[in-house]
Protein backbone atom coordinates (compact mmCIF):
# COMPACT_ATOMS: atom_id res chain seq x y z
CA UNK A 1 0.00 0.00 0.00
CA UNK A 2 1.20 3.46 -0.82
CA UNK A 3 2.89 5.28 2.03
CA UNK A 4 0.85 8.47 1.79
CA UNK A 5 -2.45 6.60 1.87
CA UNK A 6 -1.24 4.43 4.73
CA UNK A 7 -0.69 7.54 6.83
CA UNK A 8 -4.05 8.99 5.81
CA UNK A 9 -5.71 5.80 7.00
CA UNK A 10 -3.83 6.12 10.29
CA UNK A 11 -5.14 9.65 10.67
CA UNK A 12 -8.68 8.42 9.99
CA UNK A 13 -8.34 5.87 12.77
CA UNK A 14 -7.11 8.54 15.17
CA UNK A 15 -10.01 10.84 14.38
CA UNK A 16 -12.71 8.23 14.13
CA UNK A 17 -14.16 10.18 11.21
CA UNK A 18 -12.59 11.04 7.88
CA UNK A 19 -14.52 14.32 7.80
CA UNK A 20 -11.92 15.68 10.22
CA UNK A 21 -9.40 15.60 7.38
CA UNK A 22 -11.31 18.44 5.80
CA UNK A 23 -11.53 20.66 8.86
CA UNK A 24 -9.36 23.78 9.13
CA UNK A 25 -8.39 22.88 12.68
CA UNK A 26 -5.98 20.04 13.50
CA UNK A 27 -5.74 17.22 10.98
CA UNK A 28 -6.20 14.44 13.51
CA UNK A 29 -7.50 16.36 16.48
CA UNK A 30 -3.92 16.57 17.69
CA UNK A 31 -3.43 19.97 19.30
CA UNK A 32 -1.58 22.35 16.99
CA UNK A 33 1.18 22.90 19.54
CA UNK A 34 2.04 19.18 19.51
CA UNK A 35 1.12 18.35 15.89
CA UNK A 36 4.74 18.40 14.69
CA UNK A 37 6.38 17.22 17.92
CA UNK A 38 7.32 13.68 16.81
CA UNK A 39 8.60 12.15 13.61
CA UNK A 40 5.37 10.21 13.20
CA UNK A 41 3.21 13.28 13.76
CA UNK A 42 5.34 15.13 11.22
CA UNK A 43 4.57 12.42 8.67
CA UNK A 44 0.88 12.66 9.49
CA UNK A 45 0.86 16.43 9.29
CA UNK A 46 2.42 16.47 5.82
CA UNK A 47 0.03 13.77 4.68
CA UNK A 48 -2.79 16.00 5.86
CA UNK A 49 -1.61 18.58 3.33
CA UNK A 50 -1.58 15.99 0.54
CA UNK A 51 -5.09 14.91 1.56
CA UNK A 52 -6.50 18.19 0.23
CA UNK A 53 -5.59 17.14 -3.30
CA UNK A 54 -8.69 14.94 -2.97
CA UNK A 55 -10.89 17.89 -2.09
CA UNK A 56 -14.55 17.30 -2.74
CA UNK A 57 -14.30 13.56 -3.42
CA UNK A 58 -17.27 11.86 -1.84
CA UNK A 59 -19.43 8.78 -2.32
CA UNK A 60 -22.89 10.17 -1.61
CA UNK A 61 -23.21 12.09 -4.87
CA UNK A 62 -21.10 13.89 -7.44
CA UNK A 63 -19.91 17.11 -5.81
CA UNK A 64 -18.62 18.86 -8.93
CA UNK A 65 -15.35 19.54 -7.11
CA UNK A 66 -13.40 16.46 -8.19
CA UNK A 67 -10.90 17.50 -10.80
CA UNK A 68 -12.01 15.14 -13.56
CA UNK A 69 -15.53 16.56 -13.33
CA UNK A 70 -14.26 19.92 -14.58
CA UNK A 71 -14.20 18.45 -18.08
CA UNK A 72 -17.99 18.77 -18.05
CA UNK A 73 -17.48 22.53 -18.35
CA UNK A 74 -15.16 22.28 -21.32
CA UNK A 75 -15.35 21.39 -25.01
CA UNK A 76 -14.80 17.65 -24.64
CA UNK A 77 -17.19 16.64 -21.85
CA UNK A 78 -20.72 17.21 -20.65
CA UNK A 79 -23.08 16.29 -17.85
CA UNK A 80 -26.61 14.96 -18.00
CA UNK A 81 -27.55 17.37 -15.20
CA UNK A 82 -28.26 21.03 -15.93
CA UNK A 83 -25.15 23.04 -15.02
CA UNK A 84 -26.12 26.58 -14.11
CA UNK A 85 -22.65 27.91 -14.96
CA UNK A 86 -23.18 26.85 -18.59
CA UNK A 87 -26.71 28.20 -18.71
CA UNK A 88 -25.60 31.60 -17.44
CA UNK A 89 -27.96 31.57 -14.46
CA UNK A 90 -25.39 31.02 -11.71
CA UNK A 91 -24.65 33.76 -9.16
CA UNK A 92 -21.75 34.43 -6.76
CA UNK A 93 -23.89 33.04 -3.95
CA UNK A 94 -23.80 29.57 -5.47
CA UNK A 95 -22.02 27.05 -3.24
CA UNK A 96 -20.13 25.75 -6.27
CA UNK A 97 -17.85 28.80 -6.15
CA UNK A 98 -17.47 28.91 -2.38
CA UNK A 99 -16.70 25.19 -2.13
CA UNK A 100 -13.77 25.49 -4.52
CA UNK A 101 -12.49 28.59 -2.74
CA UNK A 102 -12.77 27.09 0.73
CA UNK A 103 -11.24 23.73 -0.13
CA UNK A 104 -8.26 25.31 -1.88
CA UNK A 105 -7.63 27.70 0.99
CA UNK A 106 -7.87 24.77 3.38
CA UNK A 107 -4.98 23.25 1.46
CA UNK A 108 -3.04 26.52 1.71
CA UNK A 109 -3.72 26.74 5.43
CA UNK A 110 -2.37 23.24 5.99
CA UNK A 111 0.68 23.93 3.81
CA UNK A 112 1.40 27.15 5.70
CA UNK A 113 1.16 25.34 9.02
CA UNK A 114 3.59 22.67 7.82
CA UNK A 115 6.09 25.10 6.31
CA UNK A 116 6.25 27.13 9.51
CA UNK A 117 6.10 24.43 12.16
CA UNK A 118 8.18 21.65 10.67
CA UNK A 119 11.20 23.93 10.93
CA UNK A 120 10.30 25.07 14.46
CA UNK A 121 9.01 21.92 16.14
CA UNK A 122 9.73 18.70 14.27
CA UNK A 123 12.47 16.36 15.62
CA UNK A 124 12.79 14.67 12.21
CA UNK A 125 16.17 14.68 10.51
CA UNK A 126 17.25 17.96 8.87
CA UNK A 127 17.18 16.29 5.46
CA UNK A 128 13.64 15.01 5.91
CA UNK A 129 12.40 18.32 7.24
CA UNK A 130 13.93 20.20 4.32
CA UNK A 131 12.32 17.79 1.86
CA UNK A 132 8.92 18.05 3.53
CA UNK A 133 9.05 21.85 3.52
CA UNK A 134 9.87 21.78 -0.20
CA UNK A 135 6.95 19.40 -0.81
CA UNK A 136 4.59 21.68 1.09
CA UNK A 137 5.78 24.72 -0.86
CA UNK A 138 4.95 22.82 -4.02
CA UNK A 139 1.50 21.98 -2.66
CA UNK A 140 0.89 25.58 -1.62
CA UNK A 141 1.86 26.63 -5.13
CA UNK A 142 -0.50 24.05 -6.59
CA UNK A 143 -3.45 25.30 -4.53
CA UNK A 144 -2.72 28.93 -5.44
CA UNK A 145 -2.38 27.94 -9.10
CA UNK A 146 -5.85 26.41 -8.99
CA UNK A 147 -7.30 29.49 -7.33
CA UNK A 148 -5.67 31.78 -9.87
CA UNK A 149 -6.90 29.70 -12.79
CA UNK A 150 -10.45 30.25 -11.60
CA UNK A 151 -10.68 33.56 -9.73
CA UNK A 152 -7.79 35.52 -11.34
CA UNK A 153 -6.28 37.18 -8.30
CA UNK A 154 -6.84 36.15 -4.67
CA UNK A 155 -5.50 37.08 -1.22
CA UNK A 156 -2.05 35.63 -0.53
CA UNK A 157 -1.46 34.15 2.92
CA UNK A 158 1.99 32.71 3.64
CA UNK A 159 1.52 32.12 7.36
CA UNK A 160 -1.11 30.12 9.27
CA UNK A 161 -4.16 32.30 9.77
CA UNK A 162 -7.39 32.28 11.73
CA UNK A 163 -10.79 33.31 10.40
CA UNK A 164 -10.32 36.65 12.14
CA UNK A 165 -6.98 37.13 10.36
CA UNK A 166 -8.43 36.46 6.90
CA UNK A 167 -8.95 40.11 6.00
CA UNK A 168 -6.43 40.67 3.23
CA UNK A 169 -7.45 42.26 -0.03
CA UNK A 170 -6.97 40.38 -3.29
CA UNK A 171 -3.53 40.32 -4.83
CA UNK A 172 -3.49 40.71 -8.60
CA UNK A 173 -3.42 37.73 -10.92
CA UNK A 174 0.18 38.62 -11.80
CA UNK A 175 1.17 38.72 -8.14
CA UNK A 176 -0.36 35.31 -7.48
CA UNK A 177 1.52 33.80 -10.43
CA UNK A 178 4.71 35.31 -9.04
CA UNK A 179 4.04 33.63 -5.68
CA UNK A 180 3.37 30.30 -7.36
CA UNK A 181 6.64 30.55 -9.26
CA UNK A 182 8.51 31.61 -6.12
CA UNK A 183 7.32 28.59 -4.14
CA UNK A 184 8.13 26.21 -6.98
CA UNK A 185 11.57 27.77 -7.42
CA UNK A 186 12.24 27.22 -3.72
CA UNK A 187 11.15 23.59 -4.01
CA UNK A 188 13.40 23.04 -7.03
CA UNK A 189 16.35 24.55 -5.15
CA UNK A 190 16.02 22.06 -2.29
CA UNK A 191 18.84 19.48 -2.68
CA UNK A 192 16.95 16.84 -0.67
CA UNK A 193 14.09 16.78 -3.18
CA UNK A 194 14.81 14.00 -5.73
CA UNK A 195 14.36 14.35 -9.46
CA UNK A 196 11.81 11.51 -9.46
CA UNK A 197 10.91 8.36 -7.58
CA UNK A 198 11.07 5.00 -9.30
CA UNK A 199 8.03 2.76 -9.27
CA UNK A 200 7.75 0.92 -5.97
CA UNK A 201 9.83 3.41 -4.00
CA UNK A 202 8.46 3.87 -0.48
CA UNK A 203 8.18 7.62 -1.11
CA UNK A 204 6.42 7.28 -4.46
CA UNK A 205 3.58 9.78 -4.58
CA UNK A 206 5.56 12.52 -2.84
CA UNK A 207 6.56 15.62 -4.77
CA UNK A 208 9.70 15.53 -6.93
CA UNK A 209 11.83 18.10 -8.70
CA UNK A 210 10.34 16.83 -11.96
CA UNK A 211 6.85 17.67 -10.70
CA UNK A 212 8.01 21.11 -9.57
CA UNK A 213 9.57 21.86 -12.95
CA UNK A 214 6.39 20.69 -14.70
CA UNK A 215 4.13 22.84 -12.55
CA UNK A 216 6.40 25.87 -12.81
CA UNK A 217 6.44 25.41 -16.57
CA UNK A 218 2.64 25.44 -16.52
CA UNK A 219 2.70 28.68 -14.51
CA UNK A 220 5.06 30.18 -17.07
CA UNK A 221 2.57 29.19 -19.78
CA UNK A 222 -0.08 31.29 -18.04
CA UNK A 223 2.30 34.25 -17.92
CA UNK A 224 3.31 33.63 -21.56
CA UNK A 225 6.97 33.28 -20.69
CA UNK A 226 7.39 30.70 -23.40
CA UNK A 227 11.17 30.46 -23.26
CA UNK A 228 11.23 29.83 -19.50
CA UNK A 229 8.46 27.26 -19.82
CA UNK A 230 10.41 25.36 -22.48
CA UNK A 231 13.51 25.32 -20.27
CA UNK A 232 11.51 23.83 -17.39
CA UNK A 233 9.94 21.18 -19.61
CA UNK A 234 13.41 20.13 -20.74
CA UNK A 235 14.27 19.70 -17.06
CA UNK A 236 11.30 17.36 -16.67
CA UNK A 237 12.66 15.21 -19.46
CA UNK A 238 16.14 15.33 -17.93
CA UNK A 239 14.65 14.04 -14.66
CA UNK A 240 13.83 10.77 -16.40
CA UNK A 241 10.15 11.09 -17.23
CA UNK A 242 9.02 9.61 -20.53
CA UNK A 243 5.92 8.42 -22.38
CA UNK A 244 4.52 5.00 -21.50
CA UNK A 245 4.37 2.76 -24.54
CA UNK A 246 0.65 1.90 -24.59
CA UNK A 247 -1.99 4.62 -24.31
CA UNK A 248 -4.94 2.26 -23.87
CA UNK A 249 -3.45 0.58 -20.79
CA UNK A 250 -1.80 3.67 -19.30
CA UNK A 251 -4.78 4.41 -17.06
CA UNK A 252 -4.92 1.00 -15.43
CA UNK A 253 -3.72 0.35 -11.87
CA UNK A 254 -0.78 -1.72 -13.07
CA UNK A 255 0.72 1.29 -14.87
CA UNK A 256 -0.12 4.10 -12.44
CA UNK A 257 3.56 4.43 -11.49
CA UNK A 258 4.96 4.40 -15.00
CA UNK A 259 7.58 6.96 -16.02
CA UNK A 260 4.82 9.05 -17.64
CA UNK A 261 3.12 9.82 -14.33
CA UNK A 262 4.67 12.93 -12.77
CA UNK A 263 2.14 13.98 -10.13
CA UNK A 264 -0.94 11.98 -9.12
CA UNK A 265 -3.58 11.71 -6.44
CA UNK A 266 -2.73 8.47 -4.66
CA UNK A 267 -5.76 6.17 -4.53
CA UNK A 268 -6.30 2.82 -2.85
CA UNK A 269 -9.30 0.53 -2.97
CA UNK A 270 -10.47 1.48 0.53
CA UNK A 271 -13.68 3.36 1.30
CA UNK A 272 -13.03 7.08 1.41
CA UNK A 273 -9.54 6.81 -0.08
CA UNK A 274 -10.11 5.63 -3.63
CA UNK A 275 -11.13 7.04 -6.98
CA UNK A 276 -14.80 7.77 -7.69
CA UNK A 277 -14.53 8.05 -11.48
CA UNK A 278 -16.27 4.66 -11.70
CA UNK A 279 -19.27 5.91 -9.75
CA UNK A 280 -19.97 8.96 -11.91
CA UNK A 281 -18.45 8.03 -15.29
CA UNK A 282 -19.44 4.37 -15.35
CA UNK A 283 -22.86 2.93 -16.15
CA UNK A 284 -25.47 0.63 -14.67
CA UNK A 285 -23.62 -2.19 -16.42
CA UNK A 286 -20.42 -1.32 -14.54
CA UNK A 287 -19.47 -3.17 -11.36
CA UNK A 288 -21.43 -1.58 -8.54
CA UNK A 289 -24.19 -0.28 -10.85
CA UNK A 290 -22.83 3.20 -11.45
CA UNK A 291 -24.16 6.55 -12.66
CA UNK A 292 -23.13 8.07 -15.98
CA UNK A 293 -23.38 11.59 -14.52
CA UNK A 294 -20.42 12.70 -16.64
CA UNK A 295 -20.07 11.67 -20.25
CA UNK A 296 -18.42 12.57 -23.53
CA UNK A 297 -19.44 15.40 -25.83
CA UNK A 298 -19.87 14.61 -29.54
CA UNK A 299 -17.48 17.55 -30.01
CA UNK A 300 -14.66 15.32 -28.82
CA UNK A 301 -15.63 12.24 -30.80
CA UNK A 302 -15.86 14.19 -34.03
CA UNK A 303 -12.44 15.73 -33.35
CA UNK A 304 -10.57 12.41 -33.48
CA UNK A 305 -8.86 12.24 -36.86
CA UNK A 306 -8.78 9.40 -39.32
CA UNK A 307 -5.71 7.21 -38.97
CA UNK A 308 -4.02 9.00 -41.90
CA UNK A 309 -4.29 12.34 -40.12
CA UNK A 310 -7.18 13.68 -42.19
CA UNK A 311 -10.11 15.31 -40.42
CA UNK A 312 -13.08 13.10 -39.71
CA UNK A 313 -16.17 14.02 -41.73
CA UNK A 314 -19.58 12.44 -41.23
CA UNK A 315 -20.41 13.09 -44.87
CA UNK A 316 -17.45 10.99 -45.99
CA UNK A 317 -18.38 8.21 -43.56
CA UNK A 318 -22.10 8.22 -44.43
CA UNK A 319 -22.89 10.05 -47.71
CA UNK A 320 -25.92 12.29 -47.32
CA UNK A 321 -25.45 12.71 -43.57
CA UNK A 322 -24.80 16.44 -43.62
CA UNK A 323 -27.92 17.19 -45.68
CA UNK A 324 -30.19 15.83 -42.97
CA UNK A 325 -31.52 17.72 -40.00
CA UNK A 326 -30.16 16.76 -36.59
CA UNK A 327 -33.39 14.93 -35.74
CA UNK A 328 -33.34 13.01 -39.03
CA UNK A 329 -29.78 11.77 -38.40
CA UNK A 330 -30.92 9.56 -35.55
CA UNK A 331 -31.81 6.94 -38.16
CA UNK A 332 -28.13 6.07 -38.63
CA UNK A 333 -27.66 5.26 -34.92
CA UNK A 334 -30.56 2.82 -34.57
CA UNK A 335 -29.94 -0.85 -33.90
CA UNK A 336 -30.69 -3.61 -36.36
CA UNK A 337 -34.09 -5.33 -36.43
CA UNK A 338 -36.17 -2.70 -34.71
CA UNK A 339 -39.61 -3.69 -33.51
CA UNK A 340 -42.70 -1.99 -34.91
CA UNK A 341 -43.02 -0.01 -31.68
CA UNK A 342 -39.39 1.13 -31.87
CA UNK A 343 -39.84 2.20 -35.49
CA UNK A 344 -42.92 4.20 -34.59
CA UNK A 345 -41.13 5.91 -31.68
CA UNK A 346 -38.11 6.83 -33.85
CA UNK A 347 -40.43 8.20 -36.52
CA UNK A 348 -42.18 10.36 -33.95
CA UNK A 349 -38.81 11.73 -32.81
CA UNK A 350 -38.08 12.79 -36.36
CA UNK A 351 -35.67 10.08 -37.60
CA UNK A 352 -35.70 9.74 -41.40
CA UNK A 353 -36.77 6.11 -41.38
CA UNK A 354 -36.78 5.59 -45.14
CA UNK A 355 -32.96 5.43 -44.77
CA UNK A 356 -33.09 2.70 -42.14
CA UNK A 357 -31.36 -0.63 -42.96
CA UNK A 358 -33.02 -3.36 -40.84
CA UNK A 359 -30.05 -5.74 -41.05
CA UNK A 360 -27.25 -3.33 -41.95
CA UNK A 361 -27.77 -0.22 -39.85
CA UNK A 362 -25.16 -1.12 -37.22
CA UNK A 363 -22.50 -2.07 -39.76
CA UNK A 364 -23.01 1.17 -41.67
CA UNK A 365 -22.54 3.24 -38.52
CA UNK A 366 -19.53 1.25 -37.30
CA UNK A 367 -17.62 2.36 -40.38
CA UNK A 368 -17.63 5.88 -38.96
CA UNK A 369 -15.63 4.73 -35.93
CA UNK A 370 -13.11 2.51 -37.73
CA UNK A 371 -9.72 3.63 -39.03
CA UNK A 372 -9.74 6.51 -36.55
CA UNK A 373 -7.15 7.75 -34.09
CA UNK A 374 -6.86 4.78 -31.67
CA UNK A 375 -7.30 7.11 -28.71
CA UNK A 376 -10.99 7.35 -29.61
CA UNK A 377 -11.58 3.68 -28.80
CA UNK A 378 -9.35 3.94 -25.71
CA UNK A 379 -11.23 6.92 -24.26
CA UNK A 380 -14.82 6.51 -25.41
CA UNK A 381 -17.48 3.81 -25.53
CA UNK A 382 -18.91 4.51 -28.97
CA UNK A 383 -22.17 3.09 -30.39
CA UNK A 384 -22.03 -0.67 -31.04
CA UNK A 385 -18.68 -1.08 -29.34
CA UNK A 386 -18.42 -3.49 -26.42
CA UNK A 387 -17.62 -3.07 -22.75
CA UNK A 388 -16.85 -5.69 -20.11
CA UNK A 389 -19.59 -5.10 -17.59
CA UNK A 390 -21.12 -7.22 -14.84
CA UNK A 391 -24.36 -9.18 -14.88
CA UNK A 392 -25.51 -11.51 -12.15
CA UNK A 393 -22.22 -11.06 -10.32
CA UNK A 394 -20.11 -12.26 -13.26
CA UNK A 395 -18.33 -10.58 -16.15
CA UNK A 396 -20.57 -9.91 -19.12
CA UNK A 397 -19.62 -8.33 -22.43
CA UNK A 398 -22.29 -5.78 -23.28
CA UNK A 399 -22.78 -3.62 -26.37
CA UNK A 400 -23.81 0.02 -26.54
CA UNK A 401 -27.04 -0.11 -28.59
CA UNK A 402 -29.91 2.26 -29.30
CA UNK A 403 -32.63 2.04 -28.26
CA UNK A 404 -31.76 0.12 -25.11
CA UNK A 405 -33.61 -3.12 -24.46
CA UNK A 406 -32.05 -5.23 -21.72
CA UNK A 407 -28.88 -6.47 -20.07
CA UNK A 408 -28.03 -10.15 -20.27
CA UNK A 409 -25.31 -12.63 -19.38
CA UNK A 410 -24.38 -12.80 -23.07
CA UNK A 411 -25.02 -10.35 -25.91
CA UNK A 412 -26.81 -7.88 -23.66
CA UNK A 413 -27.14 -4.11 -24.05
CA UNK A 414 -25.04 -1.68 -22.05
CA UNK A 415 -27.42 -0.17 -19.49
CA UNK A 416 -27.15 3.46 -18.39
CA UNK A 417 -29.22 5.53 -15.99
CA UNK A 418 -30.22 7.74 -18.94
CA UNK A 419 -31.89 5.05 -21.00
CA UNK A 420 -34.23 7.44 -22.82
CA UNK A 421 -31.17 9.27 -24.17
CA UNK A 422 -28.15 7.97 -26.07
CA UNK A 423 -24.78 9.42 -25.05
CA UNK A 424 -21.15 8.73 -25.73
CA UNK A 425 -19.66 7.31 -22.53
CA UNK A 426 -16.20 7.37 -20.97
CA UNK A 427 -13.97 4.32 -21.12
CA UNK A 428 -10.89 5.96 -19.58
CA UNK A 429 -10.83 5.60 -15.78
CA UNK A 430 -13.92 3.37 -15.89
CA UNK A 431 -13.16 -0.06 -14.47
CA UNK A 432 -14.17 -3.21 -16.35
CA UNK A 433 -15.52 -6.47 -15.01
CA UNK A 434 -15.49 -7.56 -11.37
CA UNK A 435 -11.74 -7.66 -10.69
CA UNK A 436 -10.48 -4.10 -11.32
CA UNK A 437 -12.18 -2.34 -8.40
CA UNK A 438 -13.61 -3.49 -5.07
CA UNK A 439 -16.54 -1.05 -5.20
CA UNK A 440 -18.06 1.64 -7.33
CA UNK A 441 -16.96 4.58 -5.17
CA UNK A 442 -13.36 3.74 -4.27
CA UNK A 443 -11.30 2.50 -7.16
CA UNK A 444 -7.58 1.81 -6.69
CA UNK A 445 -6.14 3.62 -9.74
CA UNK A 446 -4.29 6.88 -9.10
CA UNK A 447 -5.76 10.02 -10.65
CA UNK A 448 -2.99 11.68 -12.62
CA UNK A 449 -2.68 15.46 -12.30
CA UNK A 450 0.39 15.97 -14.49
CA UNK A 451 1.83 13.44 -16.90
CA UNK A 452 4.62 13.61 -19.43
CA UNK A 453 2.29 13.87 -22.45
CA UNK A 454 0.90 17.06 -20.88
CA UNK A 455 4.45 18.37 -20.57
CA UNK A 456 5.29 17.48 -24.17
CA UNK A 457 2.26 19.27 -25.57
CA UNK A 458 2.77 22.36 -23.39
CA UNK A 459 6.39 22.26 -24.53
CA UNK A 460 5.25 22.11 -28.15
CA UNK A 461 2.97 25.09 -27.53
CA UNK A 462 5.78 27.08 -25.91
CA UNK A 463 8.11 26.34 -28.82
CA UNK A 464 5.49 27.22 -31.42
CA UNK A 465 4.76 30.56 -29.75
CA UNK A 466 8.47 31.32 -30.15
CA UNK A 467 8.25 30.51 -33.86
CA UNK A 468 10.20 27.24 -33.52
CA UNK A 469 7.88 25.27 -35.77
CA UNK A 470 10.05 22.24 -36.51
CA UNK A 471 10.94 21.70 -32.86
CA UNK A 472 7.27 22.06 -31.86
CA UNK A 473 6.15 19.53 -34.47
CA UNK A 474 8.67 17.05 -33.13
CA UNK A 475 7.18 17.29 -29.62
CA UNK A 476 3.64 16.78 -30.90
CA UNK A 477 4.79 13.81 -32.93
CA UNK A 478 6.15 12.07 -29.86
CA UNK A 479 2.58 11.98 -28.57
CA UNK A 480 1.09 11.04 -31.94
CA UNK A 481 3.63 8.24 -32.44
CA UNK A 482 2.55 6.62 -29.19
CA UNK A 483 -1.11 7.09 -30.18
CA UNK A 484 -0.60 5.41 -33.56
CA UNK A 485 -1.86 8.23 -35.79
CA UNK A 486 -0.11 9.83 -38.79
CA UNK A 487 2.65 12.29 -37.88
CA UNK A 488 2.57 16.02 -38.58
CA UNK A 489 5.04 17.36 -41.14
CA UNK A 490 5.87 20.51 -43.09
CA UNK A 491 7.39 19.06 -46.27
CA UNK A 492 4.49 17.57 -48.29
CA UNK A 493 1.55 19.93 -48.75
CA UNK A 494 -0.50 17.22 -50.47
CA UNK A 495 -0.96 15.29 -47.21
CA UNK A 496 -3.53 16.15 -44.53
CA UNK A 497 -0.78 16.21 -41.89
CA UNK A 498 0.92 19.19 -43.55
CA UNK A 499 1.43 22.11 -41.17
CA UNK A 500 1.13 25.45 -42.93
CA UNK A 501 2.66 27.62 -40.22
CA UNK A 502 2.45 28.87 -36.66
CA UNK A 503 -1.30 29.58 -36.65
CA UNK A 504 -2.14 26.18 -38.10
CA UNK A 505 0.16 24.42 -35.66
CA UNK A 506 -1.31 26.35 -32.73
CA UNK A 507 -4.76 24.89 -33.42
CA UNK A 508 -3.33 21.43 -34.10
CA UNK A 509 -1.59 21.47 -30.71
CA UNK A 510 -4.82 22.52 -29.04
CA UNK A 511 -6.71 19.73 -30.75
CA UNK A 512 -4.01 17.28 -29.76
CA UNK A 513 -4.53 18.25 -26.13
CA UNK A 514 -8.29 17.88 -26.51
CA UNK A 515 -8.08 14.32 -27.81
CA UNK A 516 -5.23 13.24 -25.49
CA UNK A 517 -6.65 14.28 -22.10
CA UNK A 518 -10.41 13.60 -21.86
CA UNK A 519 -11.63 12.82 -18.33
CA UNK A 520 -8.42 14.16 -16.80
CA UNK A 521 -9.68 17.59 -15.75
CA UNK A 522 -7.53 19.48 -18.24
CA UNK A 523 -9.72 20.69 -21.09
CA UNK A 524 -11.77 23.30 -19.23
CA UNK A 525 -8.63 24.98 -17.90
CA UNK A 526 -7.05 24.87 -21.38
CA UNK A 527 -10.03 26.53 -23.03
CA UNK A 528 -10.08 29.21 -20.33
CA UNK A 529 -6.33 29.87 -20.71
CA UNK A 530 -6.59 30.06 -24.48
CA UNK A 531 -9.67 32.30 -24.21
CA UNK A 532 -11.33 29.84 -26.59
CA UNK A 533 -14.04 28.75 -24.13
CA UNK A 534 -16.69 31.07 -25.56
CA UNK A 535 -16.18 30.00 -29.18
CA UNK A 536 -15.58 26.29 -28.56
CA UNK A 537 -18.27 25.66 -25.95
CA UNK A 538 -20.96 28.27 -26.52
CA UNK A 539 -21.31 28.17 -30.29
CA UNK A 540 -24.86 28.07 -31.65
CA UNK A 541 -26.34 24.59 -31.31
CA UNK A 542 -24.00 23.34 -28.61
CA UNK A 543 -24.97 21.98 -25.23
CA UNK A 544 -25.50 18.57 -23.72
CA UNK A 545 -25.98 16.48 -26.86
CA UNK A 546 -26.89 12.95 -27.81
CA UNK A 547 -24.54 11.10 -30.13
CA UNK A 548 -26.14 12.38 -33.33
CA UNK A 549 -26.02 15.97 -32.08
CA UNK A 550 -29.54 16.51 -30.72
CA UNK A 551 -29.34 19.07 -27.93
CA UNK A 552 -30.86 17.92 -24.66
CA UNK A 553 -29.85 21.04 -22.75
CA UNK A 554 -28.57 24.19 -24.46
CA UNK A 555 -25.72 26.37 -23.19
CA UNK A 556 -25.98 30.15 -23.00
CA UNK A 557 -23.02 32.53 -22.79
CA UNK A 558 -24.00 35.68 -20.89
CA UNK A 559 -20.76 37.62 -21.21
CA UNK A 560 -16.96 37.57 -21.06
CA UNK A 561 -17.15 38.00 -17.29
CA UNK A 562 -17.63 34.21 -17.16
CA UNK A 563 -13.91 33.81 -17.87
CA UNK A 564 -13.27 34.95 -14.30
CA UNK A 565 -15.12 33.12 -11.57
CA UNK A 566 -16.70 35.39 -8.97
CA UNK A 567 -15.31 35.82 -5.51
CA UNK A 568 -17.89 33.87 -3.47
CA UNK A 569 -20.50 36.14 -1.94
CA UNK A 570 -20.03 34.50 1.46
CA UNK A 571 -16.32 35.39 1.40
CA UNK A 572 -17.07 39.05 0.65
CA UNK A 573 -19.50 39.06 3.56
CA UNK A 574 -16.76 37.72 5.83
CA UNK A 575 -14.02 39.93 4.44
CA UNK A 576 -15.19 43.36 3.18
CA UNK A 577 -11.69 44.03 1.79
CA UNK A 578 -12.40 41.60 -1.05
CA UNK A 579 -13.61 43.10 -4.32
CA UNK A 580 -15.81 41.31 -6.82
CA UNK A 581 -14.74 40.45 -10.37
CA UNK A 582 -16.37 42.72 -13.00
CA UNK A 583 -19.69 41.55 -14.38
CA UNK A 584 -20.76 39.53 -11.38
CA UNK A 585 -23.58 40.84 -9.19
CA UNK A 586 -23.77 39.58 -5.62
């Protein structure tokens, strides 16, 4: 069992209730004056800081705070529930904003306590204390980075503080980035912080220099210091991180400590300390009978290229497709051998049933998903593909069909909790069969926060923004080589992989990130950083969509103020020195 999680479990035993891990006061009800007074309590205190990386994870319902759930706000994901942020009806009083704010500041508070008191009170060895302080500076930087991504300028506290002390005004966005970079620079300078930990090392899961370089490089991307970002990403490579060979198995428990994984939330299959992606991204056919609360947008599926690097086009896959209305296109997604009642229902919904092939409909549609970028099949359960689910307590291979009829031990349909609607579903981070997870709400696979593919594609972006086209293409191609899709090039204009220049490559890099990282909590932050969120998410006709593009719930962009989250109304009530972001009305 991983060391960090072992200590968290010890803390839970001491408290008798894991809720105490989320309280601002002592992590294990150990008085603050004695918290750091032994080597063991020092370990526990630092682990209490790491515990806040899991902020919001719960088993009683999707909180919206778990990192992977942020993809529902981006271009590549969606949620079957109405999200008021995407409808433009949310206000600063909404608990969604205050929960993020409070959880991230709880992490900062714990980091501040550790940074100050390890040096003053801990009897641990000087080397260990120095390493722990560096780790906590990284974690403080991480929490401030998250706050700055969302709120764009927040109060900076570098010492432990009480509620009465929390009266600072907001620092500017630039000042917060400077603090993030300062903390990461201090962590990098610590000689007791290793470049990386090998798989199986007792300290695996703790912060490394490689992680600090990667996060500092990300901060430099936000400040558009492209040259400094590229230097840091080279340092990550020098630390020994590299791509794992197989994308489709990268996100399995067996490979969670591969050289690609730089910084991850450490999960174990124990209640309260595991991953909940299964619960909210799985289906009723998944082990534990899960909820497909979060699923894949057709925007993402359509973005996956053909294997030769050409853009996917529904018209090329199914001639005549583009001439039909969205409602009429449903006909192509219907299963073979529909009953009379199913035909009547599809006709009522508007499907153009004269195009229906009773014994060939499925095969015709499957052609649209073949010879595509292999990451599509690795990330998404597409129509008429199979999934190893569970039926009657045993493994059962089910198929995603429309309309749904029934599960079965053999040749059954994949069952969702949205059976009247037909969505693309996640495959990444969704466990298969009975053996991969002990329960639906605490899977054992680590949730990666930074991996080397992320570094490579940020590196490519940083190089491209400096006009270094050839070098940038080479970085993108490292990712595409592993994926198994045609490589980009700038020598043969007749091929679809030809890059015409910096602007073309910029969008190709962005698309590469979109197809590489679904369900990893990256896309929303990318779109916000690129200022592409409005155009990519709120274009006319977008929203929560079924696989053929029918909008179930439309999005509505109310103004550019949405790029900056509001300071929570409750925080302004507590601290009148806080000012609200423009456009938001308390």
